[in-house]
Amino acid sequence: MRRFAIIGHRALSSGKIPLNDLAGGAGRMDVLIRALMASLMTSHGFRRDSEVILHLWGGPGPKRRLKIIGNEVKGIHAEERSVAGQISKVLREPTPPIGNWVKRSSGIYDSGGSIEETIREWSDSTIIALDANAERLWINNAEIPTKSKPLSYETTDELSSKIEGIDIGFILSDDQPLELNFSNNIVKRSIGEKWLQGHMAIAICHFLIDEGVELNL
């Protein structure tokens, strides 16, 4: 499973999202939406081995988390206003208690809490905090395989489906620095010396996992 936690320091956590001002009045919700689309969407569908948690810290009210699961979600299209409309529906509801995930629609869940709760919920995952100043995410002299060998993928049969491969989570912030208490299951890794926009960084992480590049975990 590929997991992405996106921190929105100013993103609205309740109320009505101004669809014509996602960058300003919505607290840079545009950044989070682009990251969500990069996390879950391919050219013609959804990544079924991927999920994203948007962390909305901008108020009013308590911090909020929205979890969108790729193999469940419906009704989201690859257009920022469409995604913002789905988020806006959730923000009209009261924020649930911390740790209590409430299903709002197919594949979209709502909970209170901060990044610490997400880290606890990802206790079985390898957790990577992306940082341009850290060691590279891939091993030294890693090669891109001549044939794709995904490190995470979905398998299906007539009765069920399941996610195979690594269980890895990535933490990304918006344009503001993120203060994290690093523990044994969180490491800093870089995808290059340039500080990229979040959706671009996510696309690179997907590429490495899709192709089966050996990771430095």
Protein backbone atom coordinates (compact mmCIF):
# COMPACT_ATOMS: atom_id res chain seq x y z
CA MET A 1 0.00 0.00 0.00
CA ARG A 2 1.15 3.52 -0.80
CA ARG A 3 -0.01 6.12 1.70
CA PHE A 4 0.36 9.89 1.51
CA ALA A 5 -0.22 12.36 4.35
CA ILE A 6 -0.53 15.93 3.10
CA ILE A 7 -0.33 18.78 5.64
CA GLY A 8 -2.34 21.92 4.97
CA HIS A 9 -1.38 24.43 7.67
CA ARG A 10 -3.96 27.00 6.50
CA ALA A 11 -6.51 24.75 4.77
CA LEU A 12 -10.08 25.22 5.96
CA SER A 13 -11.21 22.50 8.36
CA SER A 14 -14.90 23.44 8.38
CA GLY A 15 -17.33 25.77 6.68
CA LYS A 16 -17.89 26.56 3.03
CA ILE A 17 -14.98 26.32 0.59
CA PRO A 18 -14.86 29.27 -1.85
CA LEU A 19 -14.56 27.32 -5.09
CA ASN A 20 -13.37 30.40 -6.98
CA ASP A 21 -10.59 31.12 -4.48
CA LEU A 22 -9.00 27.80 -3.55
CA ALA A 23 -5.54 29.38 -3.30
CA GLY A 24 -6.58 32.27 -1.06
CA GLY A 25 -9.84 32.06 0.88
CA ALA A 26 -9.67 28.27 1.17
CA GLY A 27 -6.17 28.37 2.68
CA ARG A 28 -4.18 26.91 -0.25
CA MET A 29 -6.65 24.08 -0.68
CA ASP A 30 -5.47 24.02 -4.30
CA VAL A 31 -2.11 22.62 -3.14
CA LEU A 32 -3.81 19.79 -1.25
CA ILE A 33 -6.15 18.97 -4.11
CA ARG A 34 -3.30 18.69 -6.62
CA ALA A 35 -1.48 16.42 -4.16
CA LEU A 36 -4.62 14.31 -3.74
CA MET A 37 -5.02 13.90 -7.49
CA ALA A 38 -1.35 12.97 -7.91
CA SER A 39 -1.66 10.43 -5.08
CA LEU A 40 -4.75 8.63 -6.36
CA MET A 41 -5.26 9.24 -10.06
CA THR A 42 -3.79 7.83 -13.23
CA SER A 43 -4.63 9.01 -16.73
CA HIS A 44 -7.79 6.91 -16.89
CA GLY A 45 -8.66 5.86 -13.37
CA PHE A 46 -7.58 5.47 -9.76
CA ARG A 47 -4.59 3.77 -8.19
CA ARG A 48 -6.19 0.96 -6.27
CA ASP A 49 -3.18 0.45 -3.98
CA SER A 50 -3.03 4.07 -2.82
CA GLU A 51 -4.67 6.22 -0.16
CA VAL A 52 -4.24 9.83 0.93
CA ILE A 53 -4.98 11.68 4.16
CA LEU A 54 -5.46 15.44 3.91
CA HIS A 55 -4.67 17.25 7.17
CA LEU A 56 -6.73 20.42 7.45
CA TRP A 57 -5.32 22.69 10.14
CA GLY A 58 -6.61 26.13 9.16
CA GLY A 59 -9.82 26.19 11.20
CA PRO A 60 -12.32 27.32 12.11
CA GLY A 61 -12.60 24.66 14.77
CA PRO A 62 -10.41 21.64 15.50
CA LYS A 63 -7.90 20.03 13.18
CA ARG A 64 -9.46 17.62 10.74
CA ARG A 65 -8.38 14.70 8.55
CA LEU A 66 -9.95 13.45 5.34
CA LYS A 67 -8.96 9.99 4.11
CA ILE A 68 -9.58 9.03 0.48
CA ILE A 69 -9.01 5.39 -0.49
CA GLY A 70 -8.23 4.62 -4.12
CA ASN A 71 -9.96 1.26 -4.41
CA GLU A 72 -13.20 2.59 -2.88
CA VAL A 73 -13.60 6.19 -4.00
CA LYS A 74 -16.27 7.25 -6.49
CA GLY A 75 -17.56 10.57 -7.75
CA ILE A 76 -14.19 12.36 -7.91
CA HIS A 77 -12.92 13.66 -11.24
CA ALA A 78 -9.55 15.02 -12.31
CA GLU A 79 -10.52 18.67 -11.95
CA GLU A 80 -9.75 20.87 -8.95
CA ARG A 81 -13.23 22.37 -8.54
CA SER A 82 -14.84 18.94 -8.72
CA VAL A 83 -12.58 17.61 -5.97
CA ALA A 84 -13.08 20.79 -3.92
CA GLY A 85 -16.83 20.29 -4.19
CA GLN A 86 -16.55 16.80 -2.68
CA ILE A 87 -14.37 18.13 0.16
CA SER A 88 -16.78 21.01 0.74
CA LYS A 89 -19.64 18.57 1.34
CA VAL A 90 -17.63 16.91 4.13
CA LEU A 91 -16.67 20.21 5.78
CA ARG A 92 -20.34 21.05 6.32
CA GLU A 93 -20.49 18.17 8.82
CA PRO A 94 -19.24 18.37 12.42
CA THR A 95 -15.66 17.16 12.89
CA PRO A 96 -15.71 13.61 14.30
CA PRO A 97 -13.76 12.70 17.46
CA ILE A 98 -10.06 12.03 17.11
CA GLY A 99 -9.40 8.54 15.81
CA ASN A 100 -13.02 7.89 14.83
CA TRP A 101 -13.28 7.56 11.04
CA VAL A 102 -16.77 8.40 9.71
CA LYS A 103 -17.65 7.37 6.16
CA ARG A 104 -19.02 10.40 4.28
CA SER A 105 -19.31 8.83 0.82
CA SER A 106 -17.75 5.99 -1.19
CA GLY A 107 -14.06 5.92 -0.26
CA ILE A 108 -14.09 9.23 1.66
CA TYR A 109 -13.69 9.17 5.46
CA ASP A 110 -13.62 11.98 8.00
CA SER A 111 -11.91 12.22 11.41
CA GLY A 112 -10.42 14.66 13.85
CA GLY A 113 -6.76 14.60 14.75
CA SER A 114 -3.31 15.70 13.70
CA ILE A 115 -0.31 14.08 12.03
CA GLU A 116 0.54 12.26 15.26
CA GLU A 117 -2.69 10.25 15.00
CA THR A 118 -1.91 9.37 11.39
CA ILE A 119 1.58 8.22 12.32
CA ARG A 120 0.13 5.99 15.03
CA GLU A 121 -2.35 4.52 12.55
CA TRP A 122 0.51 3.83 10.15
CA SER A 123 2.49 1.91 12.77
CA ASP A 124 2.89 -1.09 10.44
CA SER A 125 4.15 1.06 7.55
CA THR A 126 7.60 2.35 6.70
CA ILE A 127 7.12 6.12 7.05
CA ILE A 128 9.13 8.58 4.97
CA ALA A 129 9.21 12.34 5.60
CA LEU A 130 10.32 13.93 2.34
CA ASP A 131 13.14 16.43 2.85
CA ALA A 132 15.39 17.77 0.10
CA ASN A 133 18.36 17.86 2.50
CA ALA A 134 18.18 14.18 3.48
CA GLU A 135 19.64 11.00 1.98
CA ARG A 136 18.21 9.89 -1.35
CA LEU A 137 15.08 7.73 -1.34
CA TRP A 138 16.78 5.21 -3.65
CA ILE A 139 19.96 3.27 -2.92
CA ASN A 140 23.33 4.33 -4.37
CA ASN A 141 23.75 3.28 -8.00
CA ALA A 142 20.15 2.10 -8.21
CA GLU A 143 19.01 1.20 -11.71
CA ILE A 144 15.63 1.55 -13.36
CA PRO A 145 14.55 -1.98 -14.34
CA THR A 146 14.14 -2.63 -18.07
CA LYS A 147 10.71 -4.08 -17.25
CA SER A 148 8.43 -2.57 -14.60
CA LYS A 149 8.43 -4.51 -11.34
CA PRO A 150 6.03 -2.61 -9.04
CA LEU A 151 6.87 -2.67 -5.35
CA SER A 152 3.17 -2.22 -4.50
CA TYR A 153 0.23 -3.48 -6.55
CA GLU A 154 -3.27 -4.92 -6.39
CA THR A 155 -4.07 -8.54 -7.18
CA THR A 156 -7.60 -9.74 -7.93
CA ASP A 157 -9.46 -12.97 -8.44
CA GLU A 158 -13.11 -13.83 -8.93
CA LEU A 159 -13.96 -13.33 -5.27
CA SER A 160 -11.70 -10.64 -3.86
CA SER A 161 -8.79 -8.30 -4.28
CA LYS A 162 -5.82 -7.50 -2.07
CA ILE A 163 -2.80 -5.21 -2.00
CA GLU A 164 0.58 -6.90 -2.31
CA GLY A 165 4.12 -5.62 -1.78
CA ILE A 166 5.52 -2.92 0.48
CA ASP A 167 3.48 -0.82 2.89
CA ILE A 168 4.98 2.67 2.74
CA GLY A 169 3.76 6.09 3.86
CA PHE A 170 4.99 9.51 2.78
CA ILE A 171 4.55 12.75 4.73
CA LEU A 172 4.53 16.02 2.81
CA SER A 173 3.86 19.58 3.92
CA ASP A 174 2.52 22.56 2.01
CA ASP A 175 4.66 25.68 1.60
CA GLN A 176 5.25 25.90 5.36
CA PRO A 177 7.83 23.83 7.27
CA LEU A 178 6.59 20.85 9.24
CA GLU A 179 7.81 20.15 12.76
CA LEU A 180 7.91 16.41 13.41
CA ASN A 181 9.03 14.33 16.37
CA PHE A 182 11.02 11.63 14.64
CA SER A 183 10.80 8.10 16.00
CA ASN A 184 12.33 4.82 14.95
CA ASN A 185 9.73 4.20 12.24
CA ILE A 186 10.06 7.64 10.57
CA VAL A 187 13.02 8.54 8.38
CA LYS A 188 13.87 11.55 6.23
CA ARG A 189 14.52 10.90 2.58
CA SER A 190 15.08 13.10 -0.46
CA ILE A 191 14.06 12.83 -4.10
CA GLY A 192 16.57 15.53 -5.10
CA GLU A 193 18.11 18.77 -3.94
CA LYS A 194 15.34 20.93 -5.41
CA TRP A 195 12.30 21.58 -3.25
CA LEU A 196 9.52 20.40 -5.58
CA GLN A 197 5.84 21.10 -5.35
CA GLY A 198 4.03 18.36 -3.49
CA HIS A 199 2.16 16.84 -6.44
CA MET A 200 5.42 16.60 -8.40
CA ALA A 201 7.19 14.89 -5.51
CA ILE A 202 4.32 12.40 -5.22
CA ALA A 203 4.54 11.61 -8.94
CA ILE A 204 8.24 10.77 -8.54
CA CYS A 205 7.51 8.50 -5.56
CA HIS A 206 4.92 6.66 -7.65
CA PHE A 207 7.38 6.32 -10.53
CA LEU A 208 10.02 4.74 -8.29
CA ILE A 209 7.49 2.29 -6.83
CA ASP A 210 5.86 1.54 -10.19
CA GLU A 211 9.17 0.70 -11.82
CA GLY A 212 10.60 -1.23 -8.86
CA VAL A 213 13.64 0.93 -8.19
CA GLU A 214 15.43 -0.35 -5.06
CA LEU A 215 14.63 2.03 -2.22
CA ASN A 216 16.86 3.24 0.60
CA LEU A 217 14.62 2.40 3.56
